[in-house]
Protein backbone atom coordinates (compact mmCIF):
# COMPACT_ATOMS: atom_id res chain seq x y z
CA UNK A 1 -0.36 -15.18 8.10
CA UNK A 2 2.64 -13.53 6.59
CA UNK A 3 5.62 -12.87 8.74
CA UNK A 4 7.04 -9.48 9.06
CA UNK A 5 10.05 -10.54 7.04
CA UNK A 6 7.75 -11.53 4.18
CA UNK A 7 5.80 -8.35 4.46
CA UNK A 8 9.19 -6.51 4.26
CA UNK A 9 10.48 -8.32 1.38
CA UNK A 10 7.20 -8.05 -0.71
CA UNK A 11 6.83 -4.31 0.10
CA UNK A 12 10.59 -3.59 -0.92
CA UNK A 13 10.11 -5.24 -4.36
CA UNK A 14 6.69 -3.30 -4.66
CA UNK A 15 8.50 -0.06 -3.64
CA UNK A 16 11.29 -0.66 -6.18
CA UNK A 17 8.97 -1.30 -9.01
CA UNK A 18 6.76 1.54 -8.10
CA UNK A 19 9.49 4.11 -7.80
CA UNK A 20 10.92 3.06 -11.15
CA UNK A 21 7.55 3.36 -12.67
CA UNK A 22 7.16 6.90 -14.34
CA UNK A 23 3.26 6.70 -14.78
CA UNK A 24 2.82 6.12 -10.84
CA UNK A 25 5.42 8.77 -10.36
CA UNK A 26 3.25 11.32 -12.08
CA UNK A 27 0.27 9.91 -10.07
CA UNK A 28 1.66 10.70 -6.70
CA UNK A 29 2.87 14.08 -7.72
CA UNK A 30 2.17 16.50 -4.90
CA UNK A 31 0.52 13.71 -2.96
CA UNK A 32 2.53 13.35 0.03
CA UNK A 33 0.82 11.06 2.58
CA UNK A 34 1.39 8.73 5.42
CA UNK A 35 -0.41 5.41 5.02
CA UNK A 36 -0.84 2.81 7.68
CA UNK A 37 -1.32 -0.87 6.79
CA UNK A 38 -3.02 -2.63 9.74
CA UNK A 39 -3.16 -6.41 9.30
CA UNK A 40 -6.54 -8.10 10.56
CA UNK A 41 -4.67 -11.27 11.61
CA UNK A 42 -2.43 -9.92 14.56
CA UNK A 43 0.64 -9.24 12.32
CA UNK A 44 2.22 -5.82 13.68
CA UNK A 45 0.91 -2.74 11.71
CA UNK A 46 3.42 -0.91 9.34
CA UNK A 47 3.80 2.54 7.90
CA UNK A 48 4.58 3.68 4.31
CA UNK A 49 5.07 7.20 3.42
CA UNK A 50 4.79 8.80 0.23
CA UNK A 51 6.94 11.82 -0.33
CA UNK A 52 8.42 13.63 -3.23
CA UNK A 53 7.07 11.16 -5.75
CA UNK A 54 8.60 8.30 -3.95
CA UNK A 55 7.51 5.39 -1.69
CA UNK A 56 9.54 5.25 1.51
CA UNK A 57 11.26 2.58 3.41
CA UNK A 58 8.68 0.40 5.28
CA UNK A 59 8.58 1.24 9.00
CA UNK A 60 6.94 -1.38 11.41
CA UNK A 61 4.48 0.21 13.78
CA UNK A 62 2.18 3.13 13.49
CA UNK A 63 4.49 5.80 12.69
CA UNK A 64 3.10 9.38 12.55
CA UNK A 65 -0.53 10.32 11.85
CA UNK A 66 -1.99 8.68 9.12
CA UNK A 67 -3.66 10.11 6.14
CA UNK A 68 -4.99 6.70 5.16
CA UNK A 69 -5.55 3.49 7.01
CA UNK A 70 -5.68 0.11 5.04
CA UNK A 71 -6.88 -2.85 6.67
CA UNK A 72 -6.66 -6.29 5.31
CA UNK A 73 -5.01 -9.63 5.99
CA UNK A 74 -1.20 -9.79 5.99
CA UNK A 75 -1.39 -12.58 3.32
CA UNK A 76 -3.54 -10.04 1.12
CA UNK A 77 -0.99 -7.36 1.69
CA UNK A 78 1.99 -9.71 0.53
CA UNK A 79 0.07 -10.91 -2.39
CA UNK A 80 -1.01 -7.24 -3.33
CA UNK A 81 2.80 -6.17 -3.06
CA UNK A 82 3.83 -9.25 -5.18
CA UNK A 83 1.27 -8.44 -7.53
CA UNK A 84 -0.45 -11.63 -7.32
CA UNK A 85 -3.94 -10.05 -6.44
CA UNK A 86 -5.89 -7.43 -7.89
CA UNK A 87 -6.34 -5.01 -4.87
CA UNK A 88 -9.45 -3.36 -6.37
CA UNK A 89 -11.35 -6.78 -6.32
CA UNK A 90 -10.45 -7.14 -2.47
CA UNK A 91 -11.43 -3.48 -1.90
CA UNK A 92 -14.91 -4.24 -3.68
CA UNK A 93 -15.40 -7.39 -1.78
CA UNK A 94 -14.80 -5.70 1.73
CA UNK A 95 -11.71 -8.02 2.40
CA UNK A 96 -9.38 -4.60 2.30
CA UNK A 97 -10.76 -1.43 3.70
CA UNK A 98 -9.54 2.04 3.25
CA UNK A 99 -10.21 4.91 5.72
CA UNK A 100 -9.46 8.37 4.64
CA UNK A 101 -10.68 11.13 2.77
CA UNK A 102 -12.69 10.15 -0.36
CA UNK A 103 -10.00 11.90 -2.43
CA UNK A 104 -7.16 9.85 -0.78
CA UNK A 105 -9.34 6.65 -1.22
CA UNK A 106 -9.91 7.28 -4.80
CA UNK A 107 -6.14 8.07 -5.48
CA UNK A 108 -4.91 4.91 -3.78
CA UNK A 109 -7.44 2.70 -5.64
CA UNK A 110 -6.22 4.26 -9.06
CA UNK A 111 -2.66 3.88 -7.93
CA UNK A 112 -3.13 0.24 -6.98
CA UNK A 113 -4.75 -0.76 -10.41
CA UNK A 114 -1.87 1.02 -12.28
CA UNK A 115 0.64 -0.86 -10.10
CA UNK A 116 -1.25 -4.19 -10.61
CA UNK A 117 -1.68 -3.63 -14.50
CA UNK A 118 1.89 -2.28 -15.26
CA UNK A 119 3.84 -5.05 -13.61
């Protein structure tokens, strides 16, 4: 199980890399969303907001009304943020689940693959 500090550190690195990636910035143009990450292993949920082509600061707790809810283990979230696992594989195996509109789920899947492959 990852600690909140580990999650925050991994997310901060991912956020920096994502916000510097021009390809990802184009993919999130006009896609302002609130995303809740809900660890399945008891770690506190956290919120990410995409606004104006940027990933926002990590906020612990379920802040705002989510457009998408991502559920998985805290370790998988850390590994995903560090770039140590392919999030699409975890999604296809059911270890990470996404709840939201079909368009949002497809967008997150595409964004996660670009983030994984471009690092």
